[in-house]
Amino acid sequence: MEKRTQIYQDGNTLRTRIVSVPTRDEEILFIPKAERKVQEQPRRLNWTRLGLFMVMSALTLAFAVMCFSFLKLNASVNASRGNIYRLEQQLAQLKAENQMTQNRMNAQIDLAEVYEIATEQLCMVYPDANAQVNYTEQLREYVRQYEDIPGQ
């Protein structure tokens, strides 16, 4: 194969290009693309494209699952907030009702009448300083209800 140099102009510069000139035998083998007969070859499966497609499909599916689970979790949180709000309102209402009932019961009790019944009918008196007995208990894990008080 012979090699020739060819000079061509590129803008304002001249460049040199080495061009190989085919011999007569090579000229026969060289047929321009337009003149070649298209031979139908079975298309081969491109494994890199298939692998890329599978990876992208798996990532898309994983992303869709994560989005769906996020939306489901967000709806659950919102429902829980609504439930908490309703329960707080119910608690406030029950506390108000309880306070009203307690005030009504306290209004019905006559403390003078309770004192009169306790002192006259039941013979109760206020305790004096001698009525209180202080003692130290031995350290035990249990207490006997009817045990004697030490120091008496």
Protein backbone atom coordinates (compact mmCIF):
# COMPACT_ATOMS: atom_id res chain seq x y z
CA MET A 1 0.00 0.00 0.00
CA GLU A 2 1.42 3.31 -0.99
CA LYS A 3 1.31 6.34 1.21
CA ARG A 4 0.91 9.80 -0.17
CA THR A 5 0.78 13.13 1.52
CA GLN A 6 -2.01 15.48 0.76
CA ILE A 7 -2.14 19.12 1.72
CA TYR A 8 -5.45 20.77 2.48
CA GLN A 9 -6.43 24.15 3.75
CA ASP A 10 -8.25 24.50 7.07
CA GLY A 11 -9.18 28.14 7.65
CA ASN A 12 -6.00 30.22 7.37
CA THR A 13 -3.60 27.29 7.94
CA LEU A 14 -2.37 24.53 5.71
CA ARG A 15 -2.36 21.05 7.12
CA THR A 16 -0.70 17.88 5.94
CA ARG A 17 -2.52 14.59 5.89
CA ILE A 18 -1.04 11.23 5.07
CA VAL A 19 -3.40 9.30 2.86
CA SER A 20 -2.94 5.65 2.09
CA VAL A 21 -3.69 4.86 -1.50
CA PRO A 22 -5.02 1.37 -2.05
CA THR A 23 -3.33 -0.88 -4.57
CA ARG A 24 -5.24 -2.35 -7.48
CA ASP A 25 -6.15 -5.52 -5.54
CA GLU A 26 -7.44 -3.49 -2.62
CA GLU A 27 -9.47 -1.29 -4.94
CA ILE A 28 -11.54 -4.27 -5.95
CA LEU A 29 -12.30 -5.05 -2.31
CA PHE A 30 -13.16 -1.45 -1.56
CA ILE A 31 -16.77 -0.83 -2.48
CA PRO A 32 -18.51 2.35 -1.32
CA LYS A 33 -21.32 1.92 1.21
CA ALA A 34 -23.94 3.12 -1.19
CA GLU A 35 -23.09 0.37 -3.66
CA ARG A 36 -22.92 -2.46 -1.17
CA LYS A 37 -25.81 -4.84 -1.04
CA VAL A 38 -27.46 -4.81 2.28
CA GLN A 39 -27.28 -8.23 3.74
CA GLU A 40 -29.92 -8.86 6.34
CA GLN A 41 -28.23 -10.23 9.38
CA PRO A 42 -30.12 -11.44 12.40
CA ARG A 43 -30.05 -8.70 14.97
CA ARG A 44 -28.04 -9.63 17.99
CA LEU A 45 -29.34 -8.85 21.44
CA ASN A 46 -27.34 -6.06 23.01
CA TRP A 47 -26.80 -7.25 26.60
CA THR A 48 -25.53 -3.93 27.87
CA ARG A 49 -28.70 -2.16 26.76
CA LEU A 50 -30.84 -4.93 28.18
CA GLY A 51 -28.97 -4.77 31.49
CA LEU A 52 -29.33 -1.00 31.61
CA PHE A 53 -33.03 -1.33 30.86
CA MET A 54 -33.46 -3.87 33.67
CA VAL A 55 -31.56 -1.70 36.17
CA MET A 56 -33.56 1.38 35.25
CA SER A 57 -36.81 -0.59 35.48
CA ALA A 58 -35.88 -1.91 38.91
CA LEU A 59 -34.95 1.60 40.11
CA THR A 60 -38.20 3.03 38.75
CA LEU A 61 -40.19 0.30 40.48
CA ALA A 62 -38.33 0.84 43.77
CA PHE A 63 -38.93 4.58 43.52
CA ALA A 64 -42.64 4.03 42.87
CA VAL A 65 -42.90 1.68 45.88
CA MET A 66 -41.11 4.20 48.11
CA CYS A 67 -43.41 7.01 46.94
CA PHE A 68 -46.49 4.89 47.55
CA SER A 69 -45.31 3.89 51.05
CA PHE A 70 -44.49 7.54 51.84
CA LEU A 71 -47.98 8.65 50.80
CA LYS A 72 -49.55 5.85 52.83
CA LEU A 73 -47.46 6.76 55.89
CA ASN A 74 -48.31 10.45 55.46
CA ALA A 75 -52.03 9.64 55.33
CA SER A 76 -51.66 7.52 58.47
CA VAL A 77 -49.92 10.36 60.32
CA ASN A 78 -52.64 12.82 59.29
CA ALA A 79 -55.35 10.42 60.45
CA SER A 80 -53.56 9.96 63.79
CA ARG A 81 -53.32 13.74 64.24
CA GLY A 82 -57.04 14.07 63.63
CA ASN A 83 -57.74 11.29 66.11
CA ILE A 84 -55.50 12.92 68.74
CA TYR A 85 -57.27 16.24 68.24
CA ARG A 86 -60.70 14.61 68.74
CA LEU A 87 -59.50 12.79 71.86
CA GLU A 88 -58.06 16.00 73.32
CA GLN A 89 -61.38 17.74 72.78
CA GLN A 90 -63.21 14.84 74.44
CA LEU A 91 -60.78 14.95 77.41
CA ALA A 92 -61.33 18.70 77.86
CA GLN A 93 -65.09 18.17 77.79
CA LEU A 94 -64.91 15.35 80.37
CA LYS A 95 -62.70 17.46 82.66
CA ALA A 96 -65.19 20.32 82.49
CA GLU A 97 -68.09 17.96 83.27
CA ASN A 98 -66.12 16.44 86.18
CA GLN A 99 -65.36 19.88 87.62
CA MET A 100 -69.05 20.88 87.38
CA THR A 101 -70.14 17.66 89.11
CA GLN A 102 -67.58 18.14 91.89
CA ASN A 103 -68.69 21.75 92.42
CA ARG A 104 -72.34 20.63 92.57
CA MET A 105 -71.51 17.93 95.15
CA ASN A 106 -69.44 20.36 97.26
CA ALA A 107 -72.35 22.82 97.22
CA GLN A 108 -74.72 20.16 98.58
CA ILE A 109 -72.51 19.23 101.55
CA ASP A 110 -73.17 21.25 104.71
CA LEU A 111 -69.92 21.18 106.70
CA ALA A 112 -71.62 22.45 109.86
CA GLU A 113 -74.01 19.50 109.77
CA VAL A 114 -71.10 17.07 109.29
CA TYR A 115 -69.29 18.58 112.30
CA GLU A 116 -72.43 18.39 114.44
CA ILE A 117 -73.06 14.71 113.62
CA ALA A 118 -69.41 13.81 114.20
CA THR A 119 -69.10 15.52 117.58
CA GLU A 120 -72.56 14.89 119.07
CA GLN A 121 -73.70 11.56 117.67
CA LEU A 122 -70.37 9.80 117.07
CA CYS A 123 -68.49 11.47 119.96
CA MET A 124 -65.52 12.37 117.83
CA VAL A 125 -62.96 14.96 118.92
CA TYR A 126 -59.94 16.57 117.29
CA PRO A 127 -56.71 14.77 118.23
CA ASP A 128 -54.34 16.47 120.67
CA ALA A 129 -50.56 16.28 120.79
CA ASN A 130 -50.60 13.17 123.06
CA ALA A 131 -52.73 11.19 120.62
CA GLN A 132 -49.87 10.90 118.12
CA VAL A 133 -47.26 8.18 118.70
CA ASN A 134 -44.05 8.15 116.67
CA TYR A 135 -41.90 5.06 116.45
CA THR A 136 -39.27 3.62 114.12
CA GLU A 137 -40.05 0.46 112.25
CA GLN A 138 -37.46 -2.23 111.68
CA LEU A 139 -36.52 -2.51 108.05
CA ARG A 140 -38.55 -5.35 106.64
CA GLU A 141 -40.07 -6.09 103.32
CA TYR A 142 -43.57 -6.51 104.73
CA VAL A 143 -45.86 -5.05 107.41
CA ARG A 144 -48.09 -7.07 109.72
CA GLN A 145 -51.37 -5.29 110.13
CA TYR A 146 -52.18 -6.40 113.70
CA GLU A 147 -48.67 -6.35 115.08
CA ASP A 148 -48.01 -4.57 118.40
CA ILE A 149 -46.58 -1.08 118.22
CA PRO A 150 -43.10 -1.05 119.78
CA GLY A 151 -42.45 1.19 122.79
CA GLN A 152 -45.98 0.89 124.31
